[in-house]
Amino acid sequence: MADSLKQEVKIERLIETSNAWDGSSLPAYPQTQPVITINKYTFPPHSVTNLHLHKIINCGVILRGTLTVVSEDGTSKSFHAGDPIVETVGTIHHGENRGDEDVVVLMFYAGDGITPLSFPADNQSK
């Protein structure tokens, strides 16, 4: 009887890519022991992050709301609830919640345990 109750697991691939949201190629993985970090971010309505960049590969899923990511050159893309996002590596950018509700994002980082998840843009040379 237990066998008759088994259900197949449904798999829905959200994304498979070697590129970030802006089309840039992702770098090679570090040659050290990988450290995976998963963070859940909540962006209040009408909030804007500081300019920053990432030096490690990271991606995630928008759980609620709409997040707009804007590169330093003005290139932007909006991601809505359910959308996958693959962040840029080495590109200065910021995130914006332009809406009236919280934006909730679950992000996954493939780091090395040493490199910070992000760097403020004012500490970087162009």
N, C-alpha and C. Protein backbone atom coordinates (compact mmCIF):
# COMPACT_ATOMS: atom_id res chain seq x y z
N MET A 1 0.81 -1.20 0.00
CA MET A 1 0.00 0.00 0.00
C MET A 1 0.86 1.26 0.00
N ALA A 2 1.99 1.24 0.70
CA ALA A 2 2.86 2.41 0.73
C ALA A 2 3.35 2.76 -0.67
N ASP A 3 3.61 1.74 -1.51
CA ASP A 3 4.07 2.00 -2.88
C ASP A 3 3.03 2.77 -3.69
N SER A 4 1.76 2.53 -3.43
CA SER A 4 0.72 3.21 -4.20
C SER A 4 0.62 4.70 -3.83
N LEU A 5 1.22 5.11 -2.72
CA LEU A 5 1.19 6.50 -2.29
C LEU A 5 2.40 7.30 -2.76
N LYS A 6 3.38 6.62 -3.35
CA LYS A 6 4.58 7.32 -3.81
C LYS A 6 4.25 8.27 -4.95
N GLN A 7 4.82 9.43 -4.90
CA GLN A 7 4.66 10.43 -5.95
C GLN A 7 6.03 10.72 -6.55
N GLU A 8 6.05 10.96 -7.85
CA GLU A 8 7.32 11.32 -8.48
C GLU A 8 7.67 12.76 -8.14
N VAL A 9 8.94 12.98 -7.93
CA VAL A 9 9.43 14.33 -7.67
C VAL A 9 9.43 15.10 -8.98
N LYS A 10 8.87 16.29 -8.97
CA LYS A 10 8.84 17.14 -10.16
C LYS A 10 10.07 18.04 -10.15
N ILE A 11 10.79 18.06 -11.24
CA ILE A 11 11.98 18.90 -11.37
C ILE A 11 11.69 19.97 -12.41
N GLU A 12 11.91 21.22 -12.01
CA GLU A 12 11.75 22.34 -12.93
C GLU A 12 13.06 23.12 -12.93
N ARG A 13 13.82 22.99 -14.00
CA ARG A 13 15.09 23.73 -14.10
C ARG A 13 14.78 25.20 -14.32
N LEU A 14 15.26 26.03 -13.40
CA LEU A 14 15.02 27.46 -13.52
C LEU A 14 16.02 28.12 -14.45
N ILE A 15 17.26 27.64 -14.42
CA ILE A 15 18.28 28.21 -15.31
C ILE A 15 19.49 27.28 -15.34
N GLU A 16 20.16 27.25 -16.47
CA GLU A 16 21.46 26.60 -16.63
C GLU A 16 22.24 27.50 -17.56
N THR A 17 23.31 28.09 -17.06
CA THR A 17 24.01 29.10 -17.85
C THR A 17 25.47 29.23 -17.42
N SER A 18 26.26 29.77 -18.30
CA SER A 18 27.64 30.14 -18.00
C SER A 18 27.79 31.66 -18.01
N ASN A 19 26.65 32.36 -18.06
CA ASN A 19 26.67 33.82 -18.16
C ASN A 19 25.86 34.46 -17.05
N ALA A 20 26.25 35.68 -16.68
CA ALA A 20 25.49 36.48 -15.71
C ALA A 20 24.30 37.12 -16.42
N TRP A 21 23.48 37.83 -15.65
CA TRP A 21 22.26 38.45 -16.19
C TRP A 21 22.54 39.45 -17.31
N ASP A 22 23.73 40.04 -17.32
CA ASP A 22 24.06 41.03 -18.35
C ASP A 22 24.77 40.41 -19.56
N GLY A 23 24.89 39.08 -19.58
CA GLY A 23 25.53 38.39 -20.70
C GLY A 23 27.01 38.13 -20.53
N SER A 24 27.62 38.69 -19.49
CA SER A 24 29.06 38.47 -19.28
C SER A 24 29.32 37.03 -18.83
N SER A 25 30.48 36.50 -19.21
CA SER A 25 30.85 35.13 -18.85
C SER A 25 31.21 35.03 -17.38
N LEU A 26 30.85 33.90 -16.78
CA LEU A 26 31.24 33.65 -15.39
C LEU A 26 32.69 33.17 -15.35
N PRO A 27 33.43 33.50 -14.29
CA PRO A 27 34.83 33.06 -14.18
C PRO A 27 34.92 31.59 -13.78
N ALA A 28 36.13 31.05 -13.86
CA ALA A 28 36.37 29.68 -13.40
C ALA A 28 36.25 29.63 -11.88
N TYR A 29 35.92 28.46 -11.37
CA TYR A 29 35.87 28.28 -9.92
C TYR A 29 37.27 28.38 -9.33
N PRO A 30 37.37 28.79 -8.06
CA PRO A 30 38.68 28.82 -7.41
C PRO A 30 39.22 27.40 -7.24
N GLN A 31 40.52 27.30 -7.11
CA GLN A 31 41.17 26.00 -6.96
C GLN A 31 41.30 25.57 -5.50
N THR A 32 40.59 26.23 -4.61
CA THR A 32 40.64 25.90 -3.19
C THR A 32 39.39 25.13 -2.79
N GLN A 33 39.33 24.75 -1.52
CA GLN A 33 38.15 24.07 -1.01
C GLN A 33 36.93 24.98 -1.15
N PRO A 34 35.87 24.55 -1.84
CA PRO A 34 34.71 25.41 -1.99
C PRO A 34 33.94 25.56 -0.69
N VAL A 35 33.36 26.73 -0.51
CA VAL A 35 32.47 27.01 0.62
C VAL A 35 31.18 27.58 0.04
N ILE A 36 30.08 26.90 0.28
CA ILE A 36 28.78 27.34 -0.21
C ILE A 36 28.09 28.15 0.88
N THR A 37 27.58 29.32 0.53
CA THR A 37 26.83 30.17 1.45
C THR A 37 25.47 30.44 0.83
N ILE A 38 24.41 30.34 1.63
CA ILE A 38 23.06 30.68 1.18
C ILE A 38 22.52 31.77 2.09
N ASN A 39 22.17 32.90 1.51
CA ASN A 39 21.60 34.03 2.27
C ASN A 39 20.22 34.36 1.75
N LYS A 40 19.33 34.73 2.66
CA LYS A 40 18.02 35.27 2.28
C LYS A 40 18.04 36.76 2.57
N TYR A 41 17.78 37.56 1.55
CA TYR A 41 17.78 39.02 1.66
C TYR A 41 16.35 39.54 1.57
N THR A 42 16.05 40.52 2.41
CA THR A 42 14.76 41.21 2.34
C THR A 42 15.03 42.69 2.10
N PHE A 43 14.56 43.18 0.97
CA PHE A 43 14.72 44.58 0.58
C PHE A 43 13.42 45.31 0.91
N PRO A 44 13.44 46.28 1.82
CA PRO A 44 12.22 47.04 2.11
C PRO A 44 11.76 47.82 0.87
N PRO A 45 10.49 48.23 0.85
CA PRO A 45 9.99 49.02 -0.28
C PRO A 45 10.85 50.26 -0.53
N HIS A 46 11.11 50.52 -1.80
CA HIS A 46 11.83 51.72 -2.26
C HIS A 46 13.26 51.80 -1.73
N SER A 47 13.87 50.65 -1.43
CA SER A 47 15.26 50.65 -0.95
C SER A 47 16.23 50.45 -2.11
N VAL A 48 17.45 50.93 -1.91
CA VAL A 48 18.52 50.82 -2.90
C VAL A 48 19.78 50.40 -2.16
N THR A 49 20.47 49.39 -2.67
CA THR A 49 21.73 48.98 -2.05
C THR A 49 22.84 49.94 -2.46
N ASN A 50 23.94 49.90 -1.75
CA ASN A 50 25.13 50.64 -2.15
C ASN A 50 25.72 49.99 -3.40
N LEU A 51 26.48 50.77 -4.16
CA LEU A 51 27.23 50.20 -5.28
C LEU A 51 28.22 49.19 -4.73
N HIS A 52 28.28 48.02 -5.37
CA HIS A 52 29.17 46.96 -4.90
C HIS A 52 29.49 46.03 -6.08
N LEU A 53 30.39 45.11 -5.83
CA LEU A 53 30.67 44.06 -6.82
C LEU A 53 30.95 42.76 -6.09
N HIS A 54 30.85 41.68 -6.85
CA HIS A 54 31.14 40.34 -6.33
C HIS A 54 32.37 39.80 -7.05
N LYS A 55 33.19 39.06 -6.32
CA LYS A 55 34.36 38.42 -6.92
C LYS A 55 34.19 36.91 -6.95
N ILE A 56 33.01 36.44 -6.52
CA ILE A 56 32.70 35.01 -6.57
C ILE A 56 31.37 34.81 -7.28
N ILE A 57 31.18 33.63 -7.83
CA ILE A 57 29.94 33.30 -8.52
C ILE A 57 28.81 33.22 -7.52
N ASN A 58 27.68 33.84 -7.87
CA ASN A 58 26.49 33.74 -7.02
C ASN A 58 25.24 33.83 -7.87
N CYS A 59 24.21 33.17 -7.40
CA CYS A 59 22.94 33.14 -8.12
C CYS A 59 21.83 32.95 -7.11
N GLY A 60 20.61 33.14 -7.55
CA GLY A 60 19.50 32.99 -6.62
C GLY A 60 18.16 32.97 -7.30
N VAL A 61 17.13 33.09 -6.47
CA VAL A 61 15.75 33.09 -6.93
C VAL A 61 15.00 34.20 -6.21
N ILE A 62 14.22 34.96 -6.94
CA ILE A 62 13.38 35.99 -6.34
C ILE A 62 12.17 35.27 -5.75
N LEU A 63 12.00 35.37 -4.44
CA LEU A 63 10.87 34.71 -3.77
C LEU A 63 9.63 35.58 -3.75
N ARG A 64 9.83 36.90 -3.66
CA ARG A 64 8.68 37.82 -3.58
C ARG A 64 9.09 39.18 -4.11
N GLY A 65 8.19 39.84 -4.82
CA GLY A 65 8.43 41.19 -5.30
C GLY A 65 9.23 41.23 -6.59
N THR A 66 9.74 42.42 -6.90
CA THR A 66 10.53 42.65 -8.11
C THR A 66 11.81 43.37 -7.72
N LEU A 67 12.95 42.79 -8.11
CA LEU A 67 14.27 43.38 -7.86
C LEU A 67 14.83 43.88 -9.18
N THR A 68 15.27 45.12 -9.21
CA THR A 68 15.92 45.67 -10.39
C THR A 68 17.40 45.81 -10.08
N VAL A 69 18.24 45.24 -10.94
CA VAL A 69 19.69 45.32 -10.79
C VAL A 69 20.21 46.29 -11.85
N VAL A 70 21.05 47.23 -11.42
CA VAL A 70 21.53 48.28 -12.31
C VAL A 70 23.05 48.31 -12.27
N SER A 71 23.69 48.13 -13.43
CA SER A 71 25.15 48.22 -13.52
C SER A 71 25.58 49.67 -13.51
N GLU A 72 26.85 49.89 -13.23
CA GLU A 72 27.40 51.24 -13.16
C GLU A 72 27.19 52.01 -14.47
N ASP A 73 27.16 51.28 -15.60
CA ASP A 73 26.97 51.94 -16.90
C ASP A 73 25.50 52.20 -17.23
N GLY A 74 24.60 51.86 -16.31
CA GLY A 74 23.18 52.12 -16.51
C GLY A 74 22.38 50.94 -17.05
N THR A 75 23.07 49.87 -17.47
CA THR A 75 22.36 48.67 -17.91
C THR A 75 21.57 48.12 -16.74
N SER A 76 20.31 47.75 -16.98
CA SER A 76 19.50 47.23 -15.88
C SER A 76 18.61 46.09 -16.35
N LYS A 77 18.18 45.31 -15.37
CA LYS A 77 17.24 44.22 -15.64
C LYS A 77 16.41 44.01 -14.38
N SER A 78 15.12 43.78 -14.57
CA SER A 78 14.22 43.52 -13.44
C SER A 78 13.90 42.03 -13.36
N PHE A 79 13.89 41.52 -12.15
CA PHE A 79 13.60 40.12 -11.87
C PHE A 79 12.38 40.06 -10.96
N HIS A 80 11.44 39.18 -11.31
CA HIS A 80 10.17 39.09 -10.60
C HIS A 80 10.09 37.79 -9.81
N ALA A 81 9.14 37.71 -8.90
CA ALA A 81 8.96 36.50 -8.08
C ALA A 81 8.98 35.26 -8.96
N GLY A 82 9.82 34.29 -8.58
CA GLY A 82 9.97 33.05 -9.33
C GLY A 82 11.11 33.06 -10.32
N ASP A 83 11.64 34.24 -10.63
CA ASP A 83 12.74 34.34 -11.60
C ASP A 83 14.06 33.94 -10.98
N PRO A 84 14.91 33.23 -11.75
CA PRO A 84 16.29 33.03 -11.31
C PRO A 84 17.11 34.27 -11.65
N ILE A 85 18.19 34.48 -10.91
CA ILE A 85 19.11 35.57 -11.18
C ILE A 85 20.53 35.04 -11.02
N VAL A 86 21.38 35.29 -12.02
CA VAL A 86 22.80 34.97 -11.93
C VAL A 86 23.52 36.31 -11.92
N GLU A 87 24.16 36.61 -10.80
CA GLU A 87 24.81 37.91 -10.61
C GLU A 87 26.08 38.03 -11.45
N THR A 88 26.45 39.26 -11.73
CA THR A 88 27.70 39.54 -12.41
C THR A 88 28.86 39.34 -11.44
N VAL A 89 30.02 39.04 -11.99
CA VAL A 89 31.25 38.92 -11.20
C VAL A 89 32.22 39.97 -11.73
N GLY A 90 32.65 40.87 -10.84
CA GLY A 90 33.59 41.90 -11.22
C GLY A 90 32.98 43.15 -11.82
N THR A 91 31.66 43.24 -11.86
CA THR A 91 30.97 44.41 -12.41
C THR A 91 30.29 45.19 -11.28
N ILE A 92 30.57 46.48 -11.21
CA ILE A 92 29.96 47.32 -10.18
C ILE A 92 28.48 47.51 -10.51
N HIS A 93 27.63 47.33 -9.50
CA HIS A 93 26.19 47.42 -9.69
C HIS A 93 25.50 47.69 -8.36
N HIS A 94 24.20 47.89 -8.41
CA HIS A 94 23.39 47.99 -7.19
C HIS A 94 22.03 47.37 -7.46
N GLY A 95 21.31 47.07 -6.38
CA GLY A 95 19.96 46.53 -6.49
C GLY A 95 18.95 47.54 -5.98
N GLU A 96 17.75 47.52 -6.58
CA GLU A 96 16.69 48.45 -6.19
C GLU A 96 15.37 47.71 -6.02
N ASN A 97 14.65 48.04 -4.98
CA ASN A 97 13.26 47.64 -4.85
C ASN A 97 12.44 48.89 -5.16
N ARG A 98 11.88 48.94 -6.34
CA ARG A 98 11.12 50.11 -6.77
C ARG A 98 9.64 50.01 -6.40
N GLY A 99 9.28 48.91 -5.75
CA GLY A 99 7.88 48.66 -5.45
C GLY A 99 7.46 49.04 -4.04
N ASP A 100 6.21 48.72 -3.73
CA ASP A 100 5.60 49.06 -2.44
C ASP A 100 5.56 47.88 -1.47
N GLU A 101 6.16 46.75 -1.83
CA GLU A 101 6.22 45.59 -0.95
C GLU A 101 7.67 45.13 -0.81
N ASP A 102 7.94 44.36 0.23
CA ASP A 102 9.28 43.80 0.38
C ASP A 102 9.64 42.94 -0.82
N VAL A 103 10.92 42.94 -1.17
CA VAL A 103 11.47 41.99 -2.13
C VAL A 103 12.27 40.99 -1.31
N VAL A 104 12.04 39.71 -1.53
CA VAL A 104 12.76 38.66 -0.81
C VAL A 104 13.50 37.82 -1.85
N VAL A 105 14.80 37.66 -1.63
CA VAL A 105 15.66 36.96 -2.57
C VAL A 105 16.48 35.92 -1.81
N LEU A 106 16.56 34.71 -2.35
CA LEU A 106 17.40 33.66 -1.80
C LEU A 106 18.62 33.54 -2.71
N MET A 107 19.82 33.82 -2.16
CA MET A 107 21.05 33.83 -2.96
C MET A 107 22.00 32.73 -2.51
N PHE A 108 22.67 32.12 -3.50
CA PHE A 108 23.63 31.04 -3.28
C PHE A 108 24.99 31.52 -3.77
N TYR A 109 26.01 31.40 -2.93
CA TYR A 109 27.36 31.85 -3.25
C TYR A 109 28.30 30.65 -3.28
N ALA A 110 29.11 30.53 -4.34
CA ALA A 110 30.12 29.48 -4.45
C ALA A 110 31.47 30.14 -4.22
N GLY A 111 31.86 30.23 -2.96
CA GLY A 111 33.07 30.94 -2.60
C GLY A 111 34.19 30.02 -2.14
N ASP A 112 35.18 30.64 -1.50
CA ASP A 112 36.34 29.90 -1.01
C ASP A 112 36.51 30.03 0.50
N GLY A 113 35.58 30.70 1.17
CA GLY A 113 35.68 30.87 2.62
C GLY A 113 36.58 32.03 3.03
N ILE A 114 37.27 32.62 2.08
CA ILE A 114 38.18 33.73 2.37
C ILE A 114 37.68 35.02 1.70
N THR A 115 37.31 34.92 0.44
CA THR A 115 36.85 36.08 -0.31
C THR A 115 35.47 36.52 0.20
N PRO A 116 35.31 37.80 0.54
CA PRO A 116 33.99 38.27 0.97
C PRO A 116 32.93 38.08 -0.13
N LEU A 117 31.67 38.00 0.28
CA LEU A 117 30.58 37.81 -0.68
C LEU A 117 30.41 39.01 -1.60
N SER A 118 30.72 40.22 -1.09
CA SER A 118 30.67 41.42 -1.93
C SER A 118 31.67 42.44 -1.41
N PHE A 119 31.99 43.39 -2.27
CA PHE A 119 32.93 44.46 -1.95
C PHE A 119 32.27 45.79 -2.26
N PRO A 120 32.43 46.80 -1.40
CA PRO A 120 31.91 48.14 -1.73
C PRO A 120 32.62 48.67 -2.97
N ALA A 121 31.89 49.34 -3.84
CA ALA A 121 32.47 49.85 -5.09
C ALA A 121 33.53 50.90 -4.84
N ASP A 122 33.42 51.65 -3.75
CA ASP A 122 34.40 52.71 -3.50
C ASP A 122 35.78 52.18 -3.15
N ASN A 123 35.91 50.87 -2.91
CA ASN A 123 37.21 50.26 -2.63
C ASN A 123 37.83 49.64 -3.88
N GLN A 124 37.18 49.80 -5.02
CA GLN A 124 37.62 49.12 -6.24
C GLN A 124 38.10 50.13 -7.26
N SER A 125 39.12 49.74 -7.99
CA SER A 125 39.57 50.57 -9.12
C SER A 125 38.89 50.05 -10.37
N LYS A 126 38.61 50.94 -11.28
CA LYS A 126 37.91 50.55 -12.51
C LYS A 126 38.86 49.95 -13.50
